[in-house]
Amino acid sequence: MSERFPDDCPTLTRDGQTAGFSPSPDGMSLFAWWRDTTGDHTDSEMIGVYPSYEAGVIGVLRAIAADGMDPDPDEVTVEAKALERDFTATDWMGLGF
């Protein structure tokens, strides 16, 4: 894999910031990373490693908000379902994973 994550990975965008998701090398967790470069982070900089879609969405929304508050549970549920749908539909082998 190159030094950055592939462009076709599932993403979540809020407030002009985008995070991407991919499987960990052992396939047991999700990697979450910044999909863009801003004054605060660079493209492919890791946000965290999460055990579930819901935990990944919570971690990314917390990172984007940067206010220490938990995201709305209803938003988390909707986004976690969308992430699971997109994640399972992604051709990970085709992306080099």
PDB file of N, CA and C in Angstrom:
ATOM      1  N   MET A   1       0.847  -1.179   0.000  1.00  0.00           N
ATOM      2  CA  MET A   1       0.000   0.000   0.000  1.00  0.00           C
ATOM      3  C   MET A   1       0.890   1.239   0.000  1.00  0.00           C
ATOM      4  N   SER A   2       0.432   2.281  -0.661  1.00  0.00           N
ATOM      5  CA  SER A   2       1.194   3.531  -0.723  1.00  0.00           C
ATOM      6  C   SER A   2       1.186   4.213   0.642  1.00  0.00           C
ATOM      7  N   GLU A   3       1.814   5.372   0.708  1.00  0.00           N
ATOM      8  CA  GLU A   3       1.892   6.104   1.974  1.00  0.00           C
ATOM      9  C   GLU A   3       0.562   6.728   2.374  1.00  0.00           C
ATOM     10  N   ARG A   4      -0.365   6.784   1.457  1.00  0.00           N
ATOM     11  CA  ARG A   4      -1.680   7.328   1.799  1.00  0.00           C
ATOM     12  C   ARG A   4      -2.747   6.292   1.486  1.00  0.00           C
ATOM     13  N   PHE A   5      -3.909   6.462   2.076  1.00  0.00           N
ATOM     14  CA  PHE A   5      -4.996   5.527   1.848  1.00  0.00           C
ATOM     15  C   PHE A   5      -5.652   5.795   0.503  1.00  0.00           C
ATOM     16  N   PRO A   6      -6.206   4.763  -0.145  1.00  0.00           N
ATOM     17  CA  PRO A   6      -6.847   4.953  -1.450  1.00  0.00           C
ATOM     18  C   PRO A   6      -8.053   5.894  -1.388  1.00  0.00           C
ATOM     19  N   ASP A   7      -8.289   6.596  -2.482  1.00  0.00           N
ATOM     20  CA  ASP A   7      -9.400   7.548  -2.555  1.00  0.00           C
ATOM     21  C   ASP A   7     -10.772   6.886  -2.500  1.00  0.00           C
ATOM     22  N   ASP A   8     -10.872   5.616  -2.873  1.00  0.00           N
ATOM     23  CA  ASP A   8     -12.174   4.969  -2.966  1.00  0.00           C
ATOM     24  C   ASP A   8     -12.662   4.312  -1.681  1.00  0.00           C
ATOM     25  N   CYS A   9     -11.986   4.553  -0.576  1.00  0.00           N
ATOM     26  CA  CYS A   9     -12.434   4.032   0.717  1.00  0.00           C
ATOM     27  C   CYS A   9     -13.685   4.797   1.170  1.00  0.00           C
ATOM     28  N   PRO A  10     -14.553   4.157   1.975  1.00  0.00           N
ATOM     29  CA  PRO A  10     -15.721   4.865   2.509  1.00  0.00           C
ATOM     30  C   PRO A  10     -15.298   6.079   3.337  1.00  0.00           C
ATOM     31  N   THR A  11     -16.117   7.122   3.297  1.00  0.00           N
ATOM     32  CA  THR A  11     -15.805   8.348   4.021  1.00  0.00           C
ATOM     33  C   THR A  11     -17.017   8.870   4.785  1.00  0.00           C
ATOM     34  N   LEU A  12     -16.744   9.781   5.701  1.00  0.00           N
ATOM     35  CA  LEU A  12     -17.766  10.522   6.431  1.00  0.00           C
ATOM     36  C   LEU A  12     -17.308  11.977   6.431  1.00  0.00           C
ATOM     37  N   THR A  13     -18.188  12.882   6.010  1.00  0.00           N
ATOM     38  CA  THR A  13     -17.835  14.302   5.923  1.00  0.00           C
ATOM     39  C   THR A  13     -18.781  15.127   6.795  1.00  0.00           C
ATOM     40  N   ARG A  14     -18.205  16.012   7.575  1.00  0.00           N
ATOM     41  CA  ARG A  14     -18.951  16.968   8.395  1.00  0.00           C
ATOM     42  C   ARG A  14     -18.140  18.249   8.478  1.00  0.00           C
ATOM     43  N   ASP A  15     -18.831  19.369   8.427  1.00  0.00           N
ATOM     44  CA  ASP A  15     -18.212  20.677   8.634  1.00  0.00           C
ATOM     45  C   ASP A  15     -16.964  20.882   7.767  1.00  0.00           C
ATOM     46  N   GLY A  16     -17.019  20.389   6.540  1.00  0.00           N
ATOM     47  CA  GLY A  16     -15.913  20.584   5.608  1.00  0.00           C
ATOM     48  C   GLY A  16     -14.710  19.696   5.841  1.00  0.00           C
ATOM     49  N   GLN A  17     -14.799  18.750   6.770  1.00  0.00           N
ATOM     50  CA  GLN A  17     -13.712  17.811   7.039  1.00  0.00           C
ATOM     51  C   GLN A  17     -14.168  16.403   6.687  1.00  0.00           C
ATOM     52  N   THR A  18     -13.265  15.632   6.105  1.00  0.00           N
ATOM     53  CA  THR A  18     -13.600  14.278   5.668  1.00  0.00           C
ATOM     54  C   THR A  18     -12.652  13.277   6.315  1.00  0.00           C
ATOM     55  N   ALA A  19     -13.230  12.189   6.804  1.00  0.00           N
ATOM     56  CA  ALA A  19     -12.454  11.082   7.351  1.00  0.00           C
ATOM     57  C   ALA A  19     -12.753   9.844   6.515  1.00  0.00           C
ATOM     58  N   GLY A  20     -11.736   9.011   6.327  1.00  0.00           N
ATOM     59  CA  GLY A  20     -11.893   7.765   5.604  1.00  0.00           C
ATOM     60  C   GLY A  20     -11.808   6.580   6.540  1.00  0.00           C
ATOM     61  N   PHE A  21     -12.306   5.432   6.058  1.00  0.00           N
ATOM     62  CA  PHE A  21     -12.291   4.202   6.839  1.00  0.00           C
ATOM     63  C   PHE A  21     -11.739   3.073   5.991  1.00  0.00           C
ATOM     64  N   SER A  22     -10.998   2.176   6.638  1.00  0.00           N
ATOM     65  CA  SER A  22     -10.484   0.983   5.962  1.00  0.00           C
ATOM     66  C   SER A  22     -10.302  -0.112   7.004  1.00  0.00           C
ATOM     67  N   PRO A  23     -10.151  -1.369   6.538  1.00  0.00           N
ATOM     68  CA  PRO A  23      -9.926  -2.439   7.510  1.00  0.00           C
ATOM     69  C   PRO A  23      -8.504  -2.405   8.049  1.00  0.00           C
ATOM     70  N   SER A  24      -8.335  -2.863   9.278  1.00  0.00           N
ATOM     71  CA  SER A  24      -6.989  -3.039   9.820  1.00  0.00           C
ATOM     72  C   SER A  24      -6.359  -4.243   9.111  1.00  0.00           C
ATOM     73  N   PRO A  25      -5.047  -4.380   9.176  1.00  0.00           N
ATOM     74  CA  PRO A  25      -4.399  -5.507   8.489  1.00  0.00           C
ATOM     75  C   PRO A  25      -4.923  -6.883   8.907  1.00  0.00           C
ATOM     76  N   ASP A  26      -5.333  -7.037  10.174  1.00  0.00           N
ATOM     77  CA  ASP A  26      -5.847  -8.343  10.604  1.00  0.00           C
ATOM     78  C   ASP A  26      -7.350  -8.488  10.351  1.00  0.00           C
ATOM     79  N   GLY A  27      -7.997  -7.431   9.859  1.00  0.00           N
ATOM     80  CA  GLY A  27      -9.419  -7.478   9.542  1.00  0.00           C
ATOM     81  C   GLY A  27     -10.343  -7.462  10.750  1.00  0.00           C
ATOM     82  N   MET A  28      -9.795  -7.232  11.925  1.00  0.00           N
ATOM     83  CA  MET A  28     -10.605  -7.284  13.136  1.00  0.00           C
ATOM     84  C   MET A  28     -11.073  -5.907  13.616  1.00  0.00           C
ATOM     85  N   SER A  29     -10.597  -4.837  13.017  1.00  0.00           N
ATOM     86  CA  SER A  29     -10.998  -3.494  13.412  1.00  0.00           C
ATOM     87  C   SER A  29     -11.008  -2.564  12.210  1.00  0.00           C
ATOM     88  N   LEU A  30     -11.481  -1.354  12.456  1.00  0.00           N
ATOM     89  CA  LEU A  30     -11.531  -0.316  11.424  1.00  0.00           C
ATOM     90  C   LEU A  30     -10.459   0.728  11.705  1.00  0.00           C
ATOM     91  N   PHE A  31      -9.755   1.122  10.672  1.00  0.00           N
ATOM     92  CA  PHE A  31      -8.886   2.289  10.762  1.00  0.00           C
ATOM     93  C   PHE A  31      -9.718   3.496  10.336  1.00  0.00           C
ATOM     94  N   ALA A  32      -9.566   4.601  11.029  1.00  0.00           N
ATOM     95  CA  ALA A  32     -10.169   5.876  10.623  1.00  0.00           C
ATOM     96  C   ALA A  32      -9.039   6.875  10.488  1.00  0.00           C
ATOM     97  N   TRP A  33      -9.064   7.682   9.432  1.00  0.00           N
ATOM     98  CA  TRP A  33      -7.975   8.601   9.122  1.00  0.00           C
ATOM     99  C   TRP A  33      -8.528   9.797   8.374  1.00  0.00           C
ATOM    100  N   TRP A  34      -7.780  10.892   8.443  1.00  0.00           N
ATOM    101  CA  TRP A  34      -8.206  12.108   7.740  1.00  0.00           C
ATOM    102  C   TRP A  34      -8.065  11.911   6.240  1.00  0.00           C
ATOM    103  N   ARG A  35      -9.056  12.348   5.506  1.00  0.00           N
ATOM    104  CA  ARG A  35      -9.071  12.205   4.056  1.00  0.00           C
ATOM    105  C   ARG A  35      -8.580  13.475   3.365  1.00  0.00           C
ATOM    106  N   ASP A  36      -8.329  14.504   4.114  1.00  0.00           N
ATOM    107  CA  ASP A  36      -7.938  15.780   3.529  1.00  0.00           C
ATOM    108  C   ASP A  36      -6.807  16.405   4.346  1.00  0.00           C
ATOM    109  N   THR A  37      -6.224  17.436   3.825  1.00  0.00           N
ATOM    110  CA  THR A  37      -5.173  18.144   4.534  1.00  0.00           C
ATOM    111  C   THR A  37      -5.679  19.525   4.910  1.00  0.00           C
ATOM    112  N   THR A  38      -5.547  19.856   6.190  1.00  0.00           N
ATOM    113  CA  THR A  38      -5.955  21.171   6.696  1.00  0.00           C
ATOM    114  C   THR A  38      -4.808  21.705   7.556  1.00  0.00           C
ATOM    115  N   GLY A  39      -5.051  22.792   8.225  1.00  0.00           N
ATOM    116  CA  GLY A  39      -4.047  23.319   9.135  1.00  0.00           C
ATOM    117  C   GLY A  39      -3.840  22.453  10.365  1.00  0.00           C
ATOM    118  N   ASP A  40      -4.801  21.548  10.628  1.00  0.00           N
ATOM    119  CA  ASP A  40      -4.750  20.705  11.823  1.00  0.00           C
ATOM    120  C   ASP A  40      -4.276  19.280  11.581  1.00  0.00           C
ATOM    121  N   HIS A  41      -4.373  18.792  10.340  1.00  0.00           N
ATOM    122  CA  HIS A  41      -3.997  17.414  10.052  1.00  0.00           C
ATOM    123  C   HIS A  41      -3.662  17.246   8.570  1.00  0.00           C
ATOM    124  N   THR A  42      -3.068  16.105   8.228  1.00  0.00           N
ATOM    125  CA  THR A  42      -2.702  15.835   6.839  1.00  0.00           C
ATOM    126  C   THR A  42      -3.466  14.619   6.316  1.00  0.00           C
ATOM    127  N   ASP A  43      -3.567  14.528   5.004  1.00  0.00           N
ATOM    128  CA  ASP A  43      -4.231  13.407   4.353  1.00  0.00           C
ATOM    129  C   ASP A  43      -3.600  12.104   4.828  1.00  0.00           C
ATOM    130  N   SER A  44      -4.429  11.157   5.215  1.00  0.00           N
ATOM    131  CA  SER A  44      -4.056   9.813   5.672  1.00  0.00           C
ATOM    132  C   SER A  44      -3.487   9.767   7.090  1.00  0.00           C
ATOM    133  N   GLU A  45      -3.509  10.888   7.805  1.00  0.00           N
ATOM    134  CA  GLU A  45      -3.114  10.873   9.216  1.00  0.00           C
ATOM    135  C   GLU A  45      -4.171  10.113  10.014  1.00  0.00           C
ATOM    136  N   MET A  46      -3.742   9.167  10.821  1.00  0.00           N
ATOM    137  CA  MET A  46      -4.665   8.317  11.578  1.00  0.00           C
ATOM    138  C   MET A  46      -5.446   9.114  12.631  1.00  0.00           C
ATOM    139  N   ILE A  47      -6.733   8.789  12.733  1.00  0.00           N
ATOM    140  CA  ILE A  47      -7.580   9.309  13.804  1.00  0.00           C
ATOM    141  C   ILE A  47      -7.647   8.260  14.917  1.00  0.00           C
ATOM    142  N   GLY A  48      -7.837   6.996  14.530  1.00  0.00           N
ATOM    143  CA  GLY A  48      -7.916   5.939  15.531  1.00  0.00           C
ATOM    144  C   GLY A  48      -8.221   4.592  14.924  1.00  0.00           C
ATOM    145  N   VAL A  49      -8.256   3.583  15.778  1.00  0.00           N
ATOM    146  CA  VAL A  49      -8.601   2.207  15.414  1.00  0.00           C
ATOM    147  C   VAL A  49      -9.802   1.826  16.263  1.00  0.00           C
ATOM    148  N   TYR A  50     -10.843   1.281  15.627  1.00  0.00           N
ATOM    149  CA  TYR A  50     -12.112   1.059  16.313  1.00  0.00           C
ATOM    150  C   TYR A  50     -12.621  -0.364  16.107  1.00  0.00           C
ATOM    151  N   PRO A  51     -13.318  -0.912  17.120  1.00  0.00           N
ATOM    152  CA  PRO A  51     -13.787  -2.296  17.045  1.00  0.00           C
ATOM    153  C   PRO A  51     -15.108  -2.490  16.290  1.00  0.00           C
ATOM    154  N   SER A  52     -15.797  -1.390  15.956  1.00  0.00           N
ATOM    155  CA  SER A  52     -17.101  -1.516  15.290  1.00  0.00           C
ATOM    156  C   SER A  52     -17.372  -0.284  14.430  1.00  0.00           C
ATOM    157  N   TYR A  53     -18.371  -0.399  13.564  1.00  0.00           N
ATOM    158  CA  TYR A  53     -18.773   0.747  12.738  1.00  0.00           C
ATOM    159  C   TYR A  53     -19.236   1.891  13.629  1.00  0.00           C
ATOM    160  N   GLU A  54     -20.043   1.567  14.635  1.00  0.00           N
ATOM    161  CA  GLU A  54     -20.562   2.600  15.526  1.00  0.00           C
ATOM    162  C   GLU A  54     -19.419   3.316  16.261  1.00  0.00           C
ATOM    163  N   ALA A  55     -18.489   2.556  16.788  1.00  0.00           N
ATOM    164  CA  ALA A  55     -17.359   3.168  17.498  1.00  0.00           C
ATOM    165  C   ALA A  55     -16.530   4.033  16.557  1.00  0.00           C
ATOM    166  N   GLY A  56     -16.363   3.600  15.315  1.00  0.00           N
ATOM    167  CA  GLY A  56     -15.624   4.385  14.326  1.00  0.00           C
ATOM    168  C   GLY A  56     -16.305   5.711  14.026  1.00  0.00           C
ATOM    169  N   VAL A  57     -17.618   5.661  13.863  1.00  0.00           N
ATOM    170  CA  VAL A  57     -18.375   6.880  13.596  1.00  0.00           C
ATOM    171  C   VAL A  57     -18.293   7.824  14.790  1.00  0.00           C
ATOM    172  N   ILE A  58     -18.437   7.301  15.995  1.00  0.00           N
ATOM    173  CA  ILE A  58     -18.330   8.144  17.192  1.00  0.00           C
ATOM    174  C   ILE A  58     -16.951   8.795  17.255  1.00  0.00           C
ATOM    175  N   GLY A  59     -15.898   8.016  17.034  1.00  0.00           N
ATOM    176  CA  GLY A  59     -14.543   8.554  17.084  1.00  0.00           C
ATOM    177  C   GLY A  59     -14.300   9.637  16.060  1.00  0.00           C
ATOM    178  N   VAL A  60     -14.787   9.424  14.849  1.00  0.00           N
ATOM    179  CA  VAL A  60     -14.594  10.417  13.793  1.00  0.00           C
ATOM    180  C   VAL A  60     -15.409  11.678  14.080  1.00  0.00           C
ATOM    181  N   LEU A  61     -16.660  11.533  14.486  1.00  0.00           N
ATOM    182  CA  LEU A  61     -17.466  12.716  14.790  1.00  0.00           C
ATOM    183  C   LEU A  61     -16.878  13.508  15.955  1.00  0.00           C
ATOM    184  N   ARG A  62     -16.325  12.804  16.938  1.00  0.00           N
ATOM    185  CA  ARG A  62     -15.651  13.511  18.043  1.00  0.00           C
ATOM    186  C   ARG A  62     -14.426  14.259  17.537  1.00  0.00           C
ATOM    187  N   ALA A  63     -13.660  13.622  16.649  1.00  0.00           N
ATOM    188  CA  ALA A  63     -12.452  14.263  16.109  1.00  0.00           C
ATOM    189  C   ALA A  63     -12.810  15.499  15.287  1.00  0.00           C
ATOM    190  N   ILE A  64     -13.874  15.399  14.505  1.00  0.00           N
ATOM    191  CA  ILE A  64     -14.288  16.541  13.687  1.00  0.00           C
ATOM    192  C   ILE A  64     -14.796  17.677  14.571  1.00  0.00           C
ATOM    193  N   ALA A  65     -15.619  17.355  15.552  1.00  0.00           N
ATOM    194  CA  ALA A  65     -16.179  18.394  16.425  1.00  0.00           C
ATOM    195  C   ALA A  65     -15.111  19.005  17.322  1.00  0.00           C
ATOM    196  N   ALA A  66     -14.186  18.182  17.805  1.00  0.00           N
ATOM    197  CA  ALA A  66     -13.097  18.633  18.679  1.00  0.00           C
ATOM    198  C   ALA A  66     -13.596  19.453  19.859  1.00  0.00           C
ATOM    199  N   ASP A  67     -14.767  19.071  20.386  1.00  0.00           N
ATOM    200  CA  ASP A  67     -15.329  19.825  21.510  1.00  0.00           C
ATOM    201  C   ASP A  67     -15.506  18.971  22.769  1.00  0.00           C
ATOM    202  N   GLY A  68     -15.103  17.693  22.687  1.00  0.00           N
ATOM    203  CA  GLY A  68     -15.206  16.813  23.839  1.00  0.00           C
ATOM    204  C   GLY A  68     -16.598  16.272  24.103  1.00  0.00           C
ATOM    205  N   MET A  69     -17.549  16.644  23.275  1.00  0.00           N
ATOM    206  CA  MET A  69     -18.925  16.203  23.465  1.00  0.00           C
ATOM    207  C   MET A  69     -19.197  14.940  22.640  1.00  0.00           C
ATOM    208  N   ASP A  70     -20.098  14.107  23.145  1.00  0.00           N
ATOM    209  CA  ASP A  70     -20.510  12.934  22.388  1.00  0.00           C
ATOM    210  C   ASP A  70     -21.466  13.359  21.281  1.00  0.00           C
ATOM    211  N   PRO A  71     -21.349  12.727  20.112  1.00  0.00           N
ATOM    212  CA  PRO A  71     -22.274  13.053  19.023  1.00  0.00           C
ATOM    213  C   PRO A  71     -23.684  12.534  19.319  1.00  0.00           C
ATOM    214  N   ASP A  72     -24.638  13.067  18.613  1.00  0.00           N
ATOM    215  CA  ASP A  72     -26.035  12.674  18.751  1.00  0.00           C
ATOM    216  C   ASP A  72     -26.178  11.174  18.449  1.00  0.00           C
ATOM    217  N   PRO A  73     -26.776  10.392  19.347  1.00  0.00           N
ATOM    218  CA  PRO A  73     -26.904   8.944  19.136  1.00  0.00           C
ATOM    219  C   PRO A  73     -27.675   8.571  17.869  1.00  0.00           C
ATOM    220  N   ASP A  74     -28.694   9.367  17.514  1.00  0.00           N
ATOM    221  CA  ASP A  74     -29.450   9.079  16.294  1.00  0.00           C
ATOM    222  C   ASP A  74     -28.580   9.270  15.060  1.00  0.00           C
ATOM    223  N   GLU A  75     -27.753  10.309  15.062  1.00  0.00           N
ATOM    224  CA  GLU A  75     -26.833  10.542  13.945  1.00  0.00           C
ATOM    225  C   GLU A  75     -25.827   9.401  13.853  1.00  0.00           C
ATOM    226  N   VAL A  76     -25.336   8.943  14.991  1.00  0.00           N
ATOM    227  CA  VAL A  76     -24.382   7.833  15.007  1.00  0.00           C
ATOM    228  C   VAL A  76     -25.011   6.584  14.393  1.00  0.00           C
ATOM    229  N   THR A  77     -26.249   6.287  14.765  1.00  0.00           N
ATOM    230  CA  THR A  77     -26.932   5.103  14.235  1.00  0.00           C
ATOM    231  C   THR A  77     -27.064   5.178  12.720  1.00  0.00           C
ATOM    232  N   VAL A  78     -27.497   6.318  12.210  1.00  0.00           N
ATOM    233  CA  VAL A  78     -27.668   6.494  10.761  1.00  0.00           C
ATOM    234  C   VAL A  78     -26.330   6.373  10.044  1.00  0.00           C
ATOM    235  N   GLU A  79     -25.317   7.060  10.555  1.00  0.00           N
ATOM    236  CA  GLU A  79     -24.002   7.042   9.901  1.00  0.00           C
ATOM    237  C   GLU A  79     -23.329   5.674   9.996  1.00  0.00           C
ATOM    238  N   ALA A  80     -23.517   4.969  11.116  1.00  0.00           N
ATOM    239  CA  ALA A  80     -22.920   3.634  11.266  1.00  0.00           C
ATOM    240  C   ALA A  80     -23.540   2.657  10.278  1.00  0.00           C
ATOM    241  N   LYS A  81     -24.845   2.751  10.052  1.00  0.00           N
ATOM    242  CA  LYS A  81     -25.500   1.886   9.066  1.00  0.00           C
ATOM    243  C   LYS A  81     -25.004   2.196   7.658  1.00  0.00           C
ATOM    244  N   ALA A  82     -24.852   3.477   7.350  1.00  0.00           N
ATOM    245  CA  ALA A  82     -24.340   3.870   6.027  1.00  0.00           C
ATOM    246  C   ALA A  82     -22.891   3.402   5.854  1.00  0.00           C
ATOM    247  N   LEU A  83     -22.092   3.536   6.904  1.00  0.00           N
ATOM    248  CA  LEU A  83     -20.698   3.090   6.828  1.00  0.00           C
ATOM    249  C   LEU A  83     -20.636   1.583   6.618  1.00  0.00           C
ATOM    250  N   GLU A  84     -21.442   0.826   7.349  1.00  0.00           N
ATOM    251  CA  GLU A  84     -21.447  -0.633   7.181  1.00  0.00           C
ATOM    252  C   GLU A  84     -21.826  -1.016   5.755  1.00  0.00           C
ATOM    253  N   ARG A  85     -22.841  -0.364   5.214  1.00  0.00           N
ATOM    254  CA  ARG A  85     -23.271  -0.620   3.836  1.00  0.00           C
ATOM    255  C   ARG A  85     -22.129  -0.342   2.855  1.00  0.00           C
ATOM    256  N   ASP A  86     -21.505   0.817   2.976  1.00  0.00           N
ATOM    257  CA  ASP A  86     -20.420   1.197   2.067  1.00  0.00           C
ATOM    258  C   ASP A  86     -19.181   0.333   2.276  1.00  0.00           C
ATOM    259  N   PHE A  87     -18.894   0.015   3.532  1.00  0.00           N
ATOM    260  CA  PHE A  87     -17.701  -0.764   3.868  1.00  0.00           C
ATOM    261  C   PHE A  87     -17.790  -2.163   3.273  1.00  0.00           C
ATOM    262  N   THR A  88     -18.958  -2.802   3.419  1.00  0.00           N
ATOM    263  CA  THR A  88     -19.103  -4.172   2.916  1.00  0.00           C
ATOM    264  C   THR A  88     -19.205  -4.205   1.391  1.00  0.00           C
ATOM    265  N   ALA A  89     -19.573  -3.096   0.767  1.00  0.00           N
ATOM    266  CA  ALA A  89     -19.666  -3.040  -0.694  1.00  0.00           C
ATOM    267  C   ALA A  89     -18.325  -2.681  -1.359  1.00  0.00           C
ATOM    268  N   THR A  90     -17.331  -2.282  -0.575  1.00  0.00           N
ATOM    269  CA  THR A  90     -16.049  -1.861  -1.129  1.00  0.00           C
ATOM    270  C   THR A  90     -15.214  -3.074  -1.543  1.00  0.00           C
ATOM    271  N   ASP A  91     -14.584  -2.988  -2.705  1.00  0.00           N
ATOM    272  CA  ASP A  91     -13.691  -4.036  -3.195  1.00  0.00           C
ATOM    273  C   ASP A  91     -12.308  -3.809  -2.581  1.00  0.00           C
ATOM    274  N   TRP A  92     -12.110  -4.312  -1.371  1.00  0.00           N
ATOM    275  CA  TRP A  92     -10.867  -4.068  -0.647  1.00  0.00           C
ATOM    276  C   TRP A  92      -9.671  -4.699  -1.342  1.00  0.00           C
ATOM    277  N   MET A  93      -9.847  -5.863  -1.933  1.00  0.00           N
ATOM    278  CA  MET A  93      -8.733  -6.484  -2.668  1.00  0.00           C
ATOM    279  C   MET A  93      -8.329  -5.619  -3.851  1.00  0.00           C
ATOM    280  N   GLY A  94      -9.329  -5.051  -4.527  1.00  0.00           N
ATOM    281  CA  GLY A  94      -9.055  -4.159  -5.662  1.00  0.00           C
ATOM    282  C   GLY A  94      -8.336  -2.892  -5.254  1.00  0.00           C
ATOM    283  N   LEU A  95      -8.498  -2.496  -3.993  1.00  0.00           N
ATOM    284  CA  LEU A  95      -7.830  -1.297  -3.481  1.00  0.00           C
ATOM    285  C   LEU A  95      -6.446  -1.601  -2.890  1.00  0.00           C
ATOM    286  N   GLY A  96      -6.083  -2.866  -2.895  1.00  0.00           N
ATOM    287  CA  GLY A  96      -4.754  -3.229  -2.417  1.00  0.00           C
ATOM    288  C   GLY A  96      -4.669  -3.656  -0.967  1.00  0.00           C
ATOM    289  N   PHE A  97      -5.821  -3.979  -0.362  1.00  0.00           N
ATOM    290  CA  PHE A  97      -5.802  -4.429   1.033  1.00  0.00           C
ATOM    291  C   PHE A  97      -5.742  -5.937   1.089  1.00  0.00           C
TER     292      PHE A  97
END
